Amino acid sequence: MKRNHVFHEMCKETESFKIELPVKGLLLWVCLTILSCAAHPCQADNTAKTRSLIEKATITYQIDFSVDSPLNVWNKVLDHPVLMGKLWNLYNFQPAYQVTKVKEGVEIIDTTGIKGKLSVSDSAANSRTFYGRGEIDHWAVPSFISAEGVFQFRYQEDGQHIKGKFELYLRGDNEITDLLMKLFSGTLKIYLSSRFTNNMRDMKRIIFDLLHNTDHIRKRLTGDSLHDFMEFLSVSEKSDKSLEKGIITRTK
């Protein structure tokens, strides 16, 4: 009798794992946008898809954020996904991501088998909008569990800081995925908030070093990553010079 009870409890735990993992996985690939949500220089024509998804999203989520960075440097961070992915792994931040360029953007894969493709659908001086599609490849997850999402960063420069809002619109590719999202929407938003906060904390460390410890990073890069970094560095240096010029002008 006791053995049957233990077996029953194990089955319940397994079923719970199978239900929660796919939905958490789908939101995990959304969190990749924090470090690699741009697809520069590729920009796919996803205007219609973006508008439709925002209007008919299954899950919507918003969170405020702030970053110690000049506006043009922050925009460059969003516009260099492959470089940001490389730096993320150099710092040994978790989870580890593999970010590669594809025809219409970037493809991101993490160590749990979650993967997604993202591309820019709109770009402005104070905002970025991205369209993406993600899925999870795991033994406990049905192959039809996949979703599409729209991710928006809206922000303003406040001195040498960025203050803004991250907005998420998510919809399943089928009725089953949508149902799972609705059932776990509360838990998933808590999970997403935690992951966003943690990833943004790590990204702030990278941004600080990009601005203040450039030699330390340069020595660890080679090939295309080094080329992208040197391009990024040129923007950072221009920003510093503009700041210095502004300070001199105000003191005269």
Protein backbone atom coordinates (compact mmCIF):
# COMPACT_ATOMS: atom_id res chain seq x y z
CA MET A 1 0.00 0.00 0.00
CA LYS A 2 2.76 2.40 0.98
CA ARG A 3 4.71 1.52 -2.18
CA ASN A 4 1.67 2.35 -4.33
CA HIS A 5 1.30 5.69 -2.58
CA VAL A 6 4.94 6.59 -3.24
CA PHE A 7 4.60 5.59 -6.90
CA HIS A 8 1.45 7.70 -7.20
CA GLU A 9 3.22 10.77 -5.77
CA MET A 10 6.16 10.27 -8.15
CA CYS A 11 3.77 10.17 -11.10
CA LYS A 12 2.12 13.40 -9.94
CA GLU A 13 5.50 15.14 -9.68
CA THR A 14 6.49 13.92 -13.15
CA GLU A 15 3.26 15.15 -14.71
CA SER A 16 3.64 18.53 -13.01
CA PHE A 17 7.19 18.78 -14.39
CA LYS A 18 5.98 17.95 -17.90
CA ILE A 19 3.32 20.66 -17.74
CA GLU A 20 5.41 23.45 -16.22
CA LEU A 21 8.63 22.89 -18.17
CA PRO A 22 7.29 23.72 -21.66
CA VAL A 23 5.63 26.94 -20.56
CA LYS A 24 8.60 28.09 -18.47
CA GLY A 25 10.81 27.15 -21.39
CA LEU A 26 8.86 29.29 -23.79
CA LEU A 27 9.21 32.27 -21.50
CA LEU A 28 12.89 31.55 -20.99
CA TRP A 29 13.60 32.19 -24.64
CA VAL A 30 11.75 35.48 -24.25
CA CYS A 31 14.29 36.42 -21.57
CA LEU A 32 17.06 36.05 -24.15
CA THR A 33 15.98 39.42 -25.52
CA ILE A 34 17.67 41.05 -22.56
CA LEU A 35 21.07 40.29 -24.03
CA SER A 36 20.40 39.59 -27.70
CA CYS A 37 17.04 40.82 -28.82
CA ALA A 38 18.28 42.71 -31.88
CA ALA A 39 19.12 41.44 -35.30
CA HIS A 40 21.31 44.23 -36.67
CA PRO A 41 21.64 44.88 -39.54
CA CYS A 42 18.80 42.61 -40.72
CA GLN A 43 15.25 43.85 -40.36
CA ALA A 44 12.42 41.52 -41.36
CA ASP A 45 9.03 42.83 -42.49
CA ASN A 46 7.00 41.59 -39.53
CA THR A 47 4.83 44.70 -39.12
CA ALA A 48 1.53 42.89 -39.66
CA LYS A 49 2.50 40.00 -37.38
CA THR A 50 3.64 42.40 -34.69
CA ARG A 51 0.40 44.41 -34.77
CA SER A 52 -1.77 41.29 -34.72
CA LEU A 53 0.11 39.71 -31.84
CA ILE A 54 -0.08 42.85 -29.69
CA GLU A 55 -3.85 43.01 -30.24
CA LYS A 56 -4.47 39.29 -29.57
CA ALA A 57 -1.74 38.33 -27.12
CA THR A 58 -2.35 35.46 -24.71
CA ILE A 59 0.08 36.88 -22.14
CA THR A 60 1.17 40.49 -21.68
CA TYR A 61 3.85 41.61 -19.28
CA GLN A 62 5.56 44.91 -18.42
CA ILE A 63 8.48 45.84 -16.19
CA ASP A 64 10.45 49.07 -15.65
CA PHE A 65 14.22 49.07 -15.96
CA SER A 66 17.17 51.45 -15.68
CA VAL A 67 20.75 51.25 -16.95
CA ASP A 68 23.81 53.40 -16.29
CA SER A 69 24.65 54.09 -19.91
CA PRO A 70 24.51 56.88 -22.51
CA LEU A 71 21.67 56.48 -25.04
CA ASN A 72 23.83 55.70 -28.07
CA VAL A 73 25.79 53.07 -26.16
CA TRP A 74 22.59 51.38 -24.95
CA ASN A 75 21.29 51.32 -28.52
CA LYS A 76 24.54 49.71 -29.64
CA VAL A 77 24.17 47.05 -26.95
CA LEU A 78 20.77 46.17 -28.43
CA ASP A 79 22.19 46.25 -31.95
CA HIS A 80 25.07 43.82 -31.35
CA PRO A 81 23.45 40.55 -30.23
CA VAL A 82 26.28 38.25 -31.27
CA LEU A 83 28.86 40.34 -29.40
CA MET A 84 26.65 40.51 -26.30
CA GLY A 85 26.19 36.74 -26.40
CA LYS A 86 29.95 36.26 -26.67
CA LEU A 87 30.62 38.55 -23.71
CA TRP A 88 27.87 36.88 -21.68
CA ASN A 89 29.65 33.55 -22.03
CA LEU A 90 33.08 35.06 -21.37
CA TYR A 91 31.74 36.23 -18.01
CA ASN A 92 30.36 32.73 -17.37
CA PHE A 93 26.88 34.09 -16.71
CA GLN A 94 24.09 31.51 -16.65
CA PRO A 95 22.37 30.12 -18.52
CA ALA A 96 24.93 29.92 -21.32
CA TYR A 97 23.67 31.12 -24.71
CA GLN A 98 24.72 30.38 -28.27
CA VAL A 99 23.90 33.40 -30.45
CA THR A 100 24.40 33.20 -34.22
CA LYS A 101 23.39 35.30 -37.20
CA VAL A 102 20.74 33.89 -39.54
CA LYS A 103 19.08 35.24 -42.68
CA GLU A 104 16.56 37.53 -40.99
CA GLY A 105 18.07 38.13 -37.56
CA VAL A 106 19.64 35.95 -34.90
CA GLU A 107 19.08 32.48 -33.53
CA ILE A 108 19.57 31.87 -29.80
CA ILE A 109 19.96 28.47 -28.16
CA ASP A 110 20.54 27.76 -24.48
CA THR A 111 21.86 24.67 -22.71
CA THR A 112 18.38 23.31 -21.87
CA GLY A 113 17.44 22.98 -25.53
CA ILE A 114 15.37 26.14 -25.75
CA LYS A 115 15.79 28.01 -29.01
CA GLY A 116 14.31 31.03 -30.73
CA LYS A 117 14.75 33.33 -33.70
CA LEU A 118 14.45 37.09 -33.35
CA SER A 119 14.44 40.01 -35.74
CA VAL A 120 13.92 43.76 -35.58
CA SER A 121 10.44 44.87 -36.62
CA ASP A 122 10.85 48.55 -35.67
CA SER A 123 13.79 50.69 -34.58
CA ALA A 124 13.83 54.29 -33.34
CA ALA A 125 16.12 56.52 -31.28
CA ASN A 126 14.29 55.68 -28.05
CA SER A 127 12.80 52.26 -28.73
CA ARG A 128 13.31 48.83 -30.22
CA THR A 129 10.56 46.38 -31.20
CA PHE A 130 11.34 42.75 -31.97
CA TYR A 131 9.40 39.83 -33.33
CA GLY A 132 10.41 36.31 -32.39
CA ARG A 133 9.40 32.67 -32.48
CA GLY A 134 10.62 30.09 -29.97
CA GLU A 135 10.34 26.43 -29.09
CA ILE A 136 11.86 23.92 -26.67
CA ASP A 137 13.57 20.65 -27.55
CA HIS A 138 13.35 18.46 -24.44
CA TRP A 139 12.42 14.80 -23.86
CA ALA A 140 9.55 15.78 -21.54
CA VAL A 141 8.03 18.36 -23.86
CA PRO A 142 5.81 17.66 -26.91
CA SER A 143 7.28 18.91 -30.17
CA PHE A 144 4.24 21.09 -30.91
CA ILE A 145 4.92 23.39 -27.92
CA SER A 146 6.01 26.66 -29.55
CA ALA A 147 5.06 30.33 -29.46
CA GLU A 148 5.62 33.73 -31.02
CA GLY A 149 6.24 36.98 -29.23
CA VAL A 150 6.69 40.73 -29.58
CA PHE A 151 9.20 42.45 -27.31
CA GLN A 152 9.38 46.20 -26.93
CA PHE A 153 11.99 48.34 -25.20
CA ARG A 154 10.83 51.95 -24.72
CA TYR A 155 13.26 54.29 -22.97
CA GLN A 156 14.53 57.82 -22.46
CA GLU A 157 17.97 59.20 -21.67
CA ASP A 158 18.25 60.82 -18.24
CA GLY A 159 21.74 62.30 -18.02
CA GLN A 160 24.09 59.32 -18.26
CA HIS A 161 21.29 56.89 -17.42
CA ILE A 162 18.59 55.08 -19.35
CA LYS A 163 15.10 54.69 -17.87
CA GLY A 164 12.48 52.69 -19.67
CA LYS A 165 9.92 49.92 -19.85
CA PHE A 166 10.16 46.40 -21.28
CA GLU A 167 6.90 45.06 -22.72
CA LEU A 168 6.14 41.48 -23.71
CA TYR A 169 3.30 40.12 -25.84
CA LEU A 170 3.20 36.34 -26.18
CA ARG A 171 0.90 33.95 -28.05
CA GLY A 172 1.03 30.20 -28.60
CA ASP A 173 1.15 28.66 -32.04
CA ASN A 174 -1.80 26.42 -31.16
CA GLU A 175 -4.68 26.04 -28.69
CA ILE A 176 -2.79 23.68 -26.35
CA THR A 177 0.14 26.06 -25.90
CA ASP A 178 -2.24 28.96 -25.34
CA LEU A 179 -4.14 26.94 -22.72
CA LEU A 180 -0.93 26.13 -20.84
CA MET A 181 0.04 29.80 -20.84
CA LYS A 182 -3.33 30.83 -19.41
CA LEU A 183 -3.25 28.14 -16.71
CA PHE A 184 0.23 29.16 -15.52
CA SER A 185 0.09 32.89 -16.32
CA GLY A 186 0.54 34.03 -12.71
CA THR A 187 3.46 31.71 -11.99
CA LEU A 188 5.06 32.50 -15.33
CA LYS A 189 4.98 36.25 -14.79
CA ILE A 190 6.74 35.80 -11.44
CA TYR A 191 9.31 33.57 -13.13
CA LEU A 192 9.79 36.06 -15.97
CA SER A 193 10.22 38.98 -13.57
CA SER A 194 12.91 37.10 -11.66
CA ARG A 195 14.77 36.09 -14.81
CA PHE A 196 14.57 39.57 -16.33
CA THR A 197 15.89 41.17 -13.13
CA ASN A 198 18.77 38.69 -12.84
CA ASN A 199 19.76 38.93 -16.51
CA MET A 200 19.60 42.71 -16.47
CA ARG A 201 21.84 42.77 -13.39
CA ASP A 202 24.46 40.74 -15.26
CA MET A 203 24.12 42.87 -18.38
CA LYS A 204 24.77 46.00 -16.33
CA ARG A 205 28.11 44.53 -15.29
CA ILE A 206 29.03 43.95 -18.93
CA ILE A 207 27.96 47.47 -19.90
CA PHE A 208 30.03 48.97 -17.07
CA ASP A 209 33.14 47.16 -18.30
CA LEU A 210 32.41 48.14 -21.90
CA LEU A 211 32.47 51.76 -20.81
CA HIS A 212 35.24 51.69 -18.19
CA ASN A 213 37.39 48.54 -18.57
CA THR A 214 37.70 48.21 -22.32
CA ASP A 215 41.25 46.82 -22.36
CA HIS A 216 40.21 43.94 -20.11
CA ILE A 217 37.54 42.91 -22.63
CA ARG A 218 39.59 43.57 -25.77
CA LYS A 219 42.30 41.11 -24.72
CA ARG A 220 39.77 38.28 -24.48
CA LEU A 221 38.24 38.68 -27.95
CA THR A 222 39.35 37.53 -31.40
CA GLY A 223 38.03 37.46 -34.98
CA ASP A 224 34.55 38.82 -35.67
CA SER A 225 33.89 39.37 -31.97
CA LEU A 226 36.95 41.64 -31.73
CA HIS A 227 35.85 43.53 -34.86
CA ASP A 228 32.35 44.08 -33.41
CA PHE A 229 33.88 45.19 -30.13
CA MET A 230 36.12 47.76 -31.84
CA GLU A 231 33.08 49.16 -33.64
CA PHE A 232 31.21 49.31 -30.35
CA LEU A 233 34.21 50.97 -28.67
CA SER A 234 34.30 53.74 -31.26
CA VAL A 235 30.72 54.65 -30.36
CA SER A 236 31.53 54.62 -26.63
CA GLU A 237 34.51 56.90 -27.13
CA LYS A 238 32.41 59.36 -29.15
CA SER A 239 29.87 59.38 -26.33
CA ASP A 240 32.57 60.16 -23.76
CA LYS A 241 33.89 63.02 -25.89
CA SER A 242 30.39 64.44 -26.29
CA LEU A 243 29.90 64.28 -22.54
CA GLU A 244 33.20 66.04 -21.89
CA LYS A 245 32.33 68.73 -24.44
CA GLY A 246 28.97 69.29 -22.79
CA ILE A 247 30.57 69.64 -19.36
CA ILE A 248 33.12 72.18 -20.68
CA THR A 249 30.36 74.19 -22.39
CA ARG A 250 28.25 74.33 -19.23
CA THR A 251 31.22 75.49 -17.12
CA LYS A 252 32.15 78.35 -19.40
